[in-house]
């Protein structure tokens, strides 16, 4: 895999990142983020709500110091997944949104794999975390394939308030043995 760059994480700062975040979540390629018609005030309100929630956190991901993706992690027991998943200590929910490329930008081979792997490594670098949970829209075949490449097992569809989701989980061991589990070194990840 070609070198993608140094991947890092920093706290999301709504004063600094709102314009960028709004552009990302309303981009046509971000349709499954469910914020297509959001105004900047809507985005600020949503991420202020997340910042105030002790069970949900948002981080800005960077590549070589430049904003490149959004990562959220949350406690599934305190989310819309409560009642859909037999929760255990050590479970963490995750969302990731890779920034849409500029229309004239060349794709970087392995970029999304490296970002996804960095997010998973960051979650599993926390010793109490034993399993990552995701609930993508069941129609989002691209992210479902990426999840499977990272070792996720699809448990089945569930009905959530705004979508039919594919509930999926990934153990630490399954990720370590997955195609994406070995990406850390090639991506030059700093977490």
Foldseek 3Di string as FASTA:
>chain_A
DAAQAEKDKDADDCVPCLVVVVCQCLDPVNVQSVCVPPDSVNVVVVQVVQVPDPFKGKIFMDGNPHGFKIKMKGQCCPDLCNVVDPDDFQEMEMDMGTGDDDPPDDDDPCNVLLVVLLNVCVSVVPPRHFKYKYWTAPPPVVVVVSCVQQQKDFPAWDDGPPHTTGIIMHGPVSNCPGNSNPCCVSHNYDD
